[in-house]
N, C-alpha and C. Protein backbone atom coordinates (compact mmCIF):
# COMPACT_ATOMS: atom_id res chain seq x y z
N UNK A 1 3.41 -0.23 5.39
CA UNK A 1 4.61 0.55 5.59
C UNK A 1 5.80 -0.36 5.91
N UNK A 2 5.54 -1.58 6.32
CA UNK A 2 6.63 -2.49 6.65
C UNK A 2 7.36 -2.98 5.40
N UNK A 3 6.81 -2.72 4.23
CA UNK A 3 7.42 -3.17 2.98
C UNK A 3 8.33 -2.12 2.35
N UNK A 4 8.49 -0.98 3.01
CA UNK A 4 9.31 0.10 2.45
C UNK A 4 10.76 -0.35 2.35
N UNK A 5 11.31 -0.16 1.17
CA UNK A 5 12.73 -0.43 0.91
C UNK A 5 13.16 0.50 -0.22
N UNK A 6 13.79 1.63 0.13
CA UNK A 6 14.13 2.62 -0.88
C UNK A 6 15.06 2.11 -1.98
N UNK A 7 15.76 1.01 -1.73
CA UNK A 7 16.68 0.46 -2.72
C UNK A 7 16.05 -0.61 -3.61
N UNK A 8 14.80 -0.94 -3.35
CA UNK A 8 14.13 -2.02 -4.07
C UNK A 8 13.34 -1.48 -5.26
N UNK A 9 13.26 -2.31 -6.29
CA UNK A 9 12.40 -2.00 -7.43
C UNK A 9 11.13 -2.85 -7.41
N UNK A 10 10.97 -3.64 -6.34
CA UNK A 10 9.77 -4.45 -6.18
C UNK A 10 8.56 -3.52 -6.15
N UNK A 11 7.52 -3.80 -6.93
CA UNK A 11 6.35 -2.91 -6.99
C UNK A 11 5.70 -2.64 -5.64
N UNK A 12 5.67 -3.63 -4.76
CA UNK A 12 5.08 -3.41 -3.43
C UNK A 12 5.94 -2.45 -2.61
N UNK A 13 7.24 -2.60 -2.68
CA UNK A 13 8.15 -1.70 -1.95
C UNK A 13 8.05 -0.28 -2.50
N UNK A 14 7.95 -0.14 -3.80
CA UNK A 14 7.81 1.19 -4.41
C UNK A 14 6.48 1.81 -3.97
N UNK A 15 5.40 1.03 -4.01
CA UNK A 15 4.09 1.50 -3.55
C UNK A 15 4.16 1.94 -2.09
N UNK A 16 4.78 1.13 -1.24
CA UNK A 16 4.87 1.46 0.19
C UNK A 16 5.62 2.78 0.39
N UNK A 17 6.69 2.96 -0.34
CA UNK A 17 7.44 4.20 -0.23
C UNK A 17 6.63 5.40 -0.68
N UNK A 18 5.91 5.24 -1.77
CA UNK A 18 5.06 6.33 -2.25
C UNK A 18 3.92 6.63 -1.28
N UNK A 19 3.33 5.58 -0.72
CA UNK A 19 2.25 5.78 0.25
C UNK A 19 2.77 6.50 1.50
N UNK A 20 3.99 6.20 1.88
CA UNK A 20 4.58 6.86 3.04
C UNK A 20 4.67 8.37 2.81
N UNK A 21 4.96 8.77 1.59
CA UNK A 21 5.09 10.20 1.28
C UNK A 21 3.76 10.88 0.98
N UNK A 22 2.71 10.09 0.85
CA UNK A 22 1.36 10.63 0.59
C UNK A 22 0.81 11.16 1.91
N UNK A 23 0.74 12.47 2.04
CA UNK A 23 0.31 13.11 3.29
C UNK A 23 -1.10 12.73 3.72
N UNK A 24 -1.96 12.34 2.78
CA UNK A 24 -3.34 12.03 3.13
C UNK A 24 -3.65 10.54 3.13
N UNK A 25 -2.64 9.70 2.88
CA UNK A 25 -2.88 8.25 2.90
C UNK A 25 -3.33 7.84 4.30
N UNK A 26 -4.42 7.09 4.40
CA UNK A 26 -4.94 6.68 5.72
C UNK A 26 -4.10 5.55 6.33
N UNK A 27 -2.96 5.88 6.89
CA UNK A 27 -1.99 4.90 7.36
C UNK A 27 -2.52 4.00 8.48
N UNK A 28 -3.47 4.47 9.25
CA UNK A 28 -4.00 3.66 10.34
C UNK A 28 -5.21 2.82 9.94
N UNK A 29 -5.71 3.03 8.75
CA UNK A 29 -6.88 2.29 8.27
C UNK A 29 -6.50 0.83 8.01
N UNK A 30 -7.37 -0.09 8.39
CA UNK A 30 -7.14 -1.51 8.17
C UNK A 30 -8.15 -2.14 7.22
N UNK A 31 -9.25 -1.45 6.97
CA UNK A 31 -10.31 -1.97 6.14
C UNK A 31 -9.91 -1.95 4.67
N UNK A 32 -9.95 -3.11 4.03
CA UNK A 32 -9.55 -3.24 2.63
C UNK A 32 -10.35 -2.31 1.73
N UNK A 33 -11.66 -2.30 1.88
CA UNK A 33 -12.51 -1.50 0.99
C UNK A 33 -12.21 -0.01 1.11
N UNK A 34 -12.03 0.47 2.32
CA UNK A 34 -11.74 1.89 2.52
C UNK A 34 -10.38 2.26 1.92
N UNK A 35 -9.40 1.41 2.12
CA UNK A 35 -8.08 1.66 1.53
C UNK A 35 -8.14 1.61 0.01
N UNK A 36 -8.83 0.63 -0.51
CA UNK A 36 -8.97 0.47 -1.95
C UNK A 36 -9.66 1.69 -2.57
N UNK A 37 -10.73 2.13 -1.94
CA UNK A 37 -11.44 3.31 -2.43
C UNK A 37 -10.53 4.52 -2.44
N UNK A 38 -9.78 4.72 -1.36
CA UNK A 38 -8.87 5.86 -1.30
C UNK A 38 -7.87 5.80 -2.46
N UNK A 39 -7.28 4.64 -2.65
CA UNK A 39 -6.25 4.50 -3.68
C UNK A 39 -6.81 4.71 -5.08
N UNK A 40 -7.98 4.18 -5.33
CA UNK A 40 -8.58 4.34 -6.66
C UNK A 40 -8.86 5.80 -6.97
N UNK A 41 -9.18 6.59 -5.96
CA UNK A 41 -9.52 7.99 -6.18
C UNK A 41 -8.34 8.95 -6.06
N UNK A 42 -7.29 8.55 -5.33
CA UNK A 42 -6.26 9.52 -4.96
C UNK A 42 -4.82 9.13 -5.26
N UNK A 43 -4.56 7.92 -5.63
CA UNK A 43 -3.17 7.47 -5.71
C UNK A 43 -2.70 7.33 -7.14
N UNK A 44 -2.33 8.43 -7.73
CA UNK A 44 -1.82 8.38 -9.10
C UNK A 44 -0.46 7.66 -9.15
N UNK A 45 0.17 7.49 -7.99
CA UNK A 45 1.46 6.79 -7.92
C UNK A 45 1.31 5.27 -7.94
N UNK A 46 0.08 4.76 -7.93
CA UNK A 46 -0.14 3.31 -7.95
C UNK A 46 -0.56 2.90 -9.35
N UNK A 47 0.34 2.26 -10.12
CA UNK A 47 0.03 1.94 -11.51
C UNK A 47 -1.02 0.84 -11.70
N UNK A 48 -1.19 -0.03 -10.68
CA UNK A 48 -2.16 -1.12 -10.80
C UNK A 48 -2.65 -1.52 -9.41
N UNK A 49 -3.94 -1.71 -9.29
CA UNK A 49 -4.50 -2.10 -7.99
C UNK A 49 -4.02 -3.48 -7.56
N UNK A 50 -3.55 -4.29 -8.48
CA UNK A 50 -3.04 -5.61 -8.11
C UNK A 50 -1.83 -5.49 -7.18
N UNK A 51 -1.09 -4.38 -7.28
CA UNK A 51 0.04 -4.14 -6.38
C UNK A 51 -0.47 -3.94 -4.97
N UNK A 52 -1.54 -3.15 -4.83
CA UNK A 52 -2.15 -2.98 -3.51
C UNK A 52 -2.68 -4.30 -2.99
N UNK A 53 -3.32 -5.08 -3.84
CA UNK A 53 -3.85 -6.37 -3.42
C UNK A 53 -2.74 -7.25 -2.85
N UNK A 54 -1.61 -7.27 -3.51
CA UNK A 54 -0.47 -8.06 -3.04
C UNK A 54 0.04 -7.53 -1.70
N UNK A 55 0.15 -6.21 -1.59
CA UNK A 55 0.62 -5.60 -0.34
C UNK A 55 -0.34 -5.88 0.79
N UNK A 56 -1.63 -5.80 0.52
CA UNK A 56 -2.63 -6.04 1.56
C UNK A 56 -2.61 -7.50 2.01
N UNK A 57 -2.40 -8.40 1.08
CA UNK A 57 -2.31 -9.82 1.44
C UNK A 57 -1.10 -10.07 2.33
N UNK A 58 0.03 -9.46 2.03
CA UNK A 58 1.21 -9.58 2.88
C UNK A 58 0.93 -9.03 4.27
N UNK A 59 0.21 -7.92 4.34
CA UNK A 59 -0.19 -7.32 5.61
C UNK A 59 -1.06 -8.29 6.41
N UNK A 60 -2.05 -8.88 5.76
CA UNK A 60 -2.94 -9.82 6.46
C UNK A 60 -2.18 -11.03 6.98
N UNK A 61 -1.26 -11.55 6.18
CA UNK A 61 -0.47 -12.70 6.62
C UNK A 61 0.37 -12.34 7.84
N UNK A 62 0.96 -11.16 7.82
CA UNK A 62 1.78 -10.73 8.94
C UNK A 62 0.94 -10.54 10.20
N UNK A 63 -0.27 -10.06 10.06
CA UNK A 63 -1.14 -9.79 11.22
C UNK A 63 -1.69 -11.07 11.83
N UNK A 64 -1.61 -12.18 11.14
CA UNK A 64 -2.14 -13.45 11.67
C UNK A 64 -1.20 -14.06 12.70
N UNK A 65 0.02 -13.62 12.77
CA UNK A 65 0.98 -14.18 13.71
C UNK A 65 0.93 -13.53 15.04
């Protein structure tokens, strides 16, 4: 959710914005596999899982500090 930028066309920012509006997105979940499974089954707004992979990597880097 930290990547949300309504003025950006960056795929991660667009994904973050769409996930924010997804009422059932597991926002508190941290497990990659659980998030990935949810997105594969429920997120028609995500055109490619590589976008999620990039967003998750940014999340992991941020959490290391």
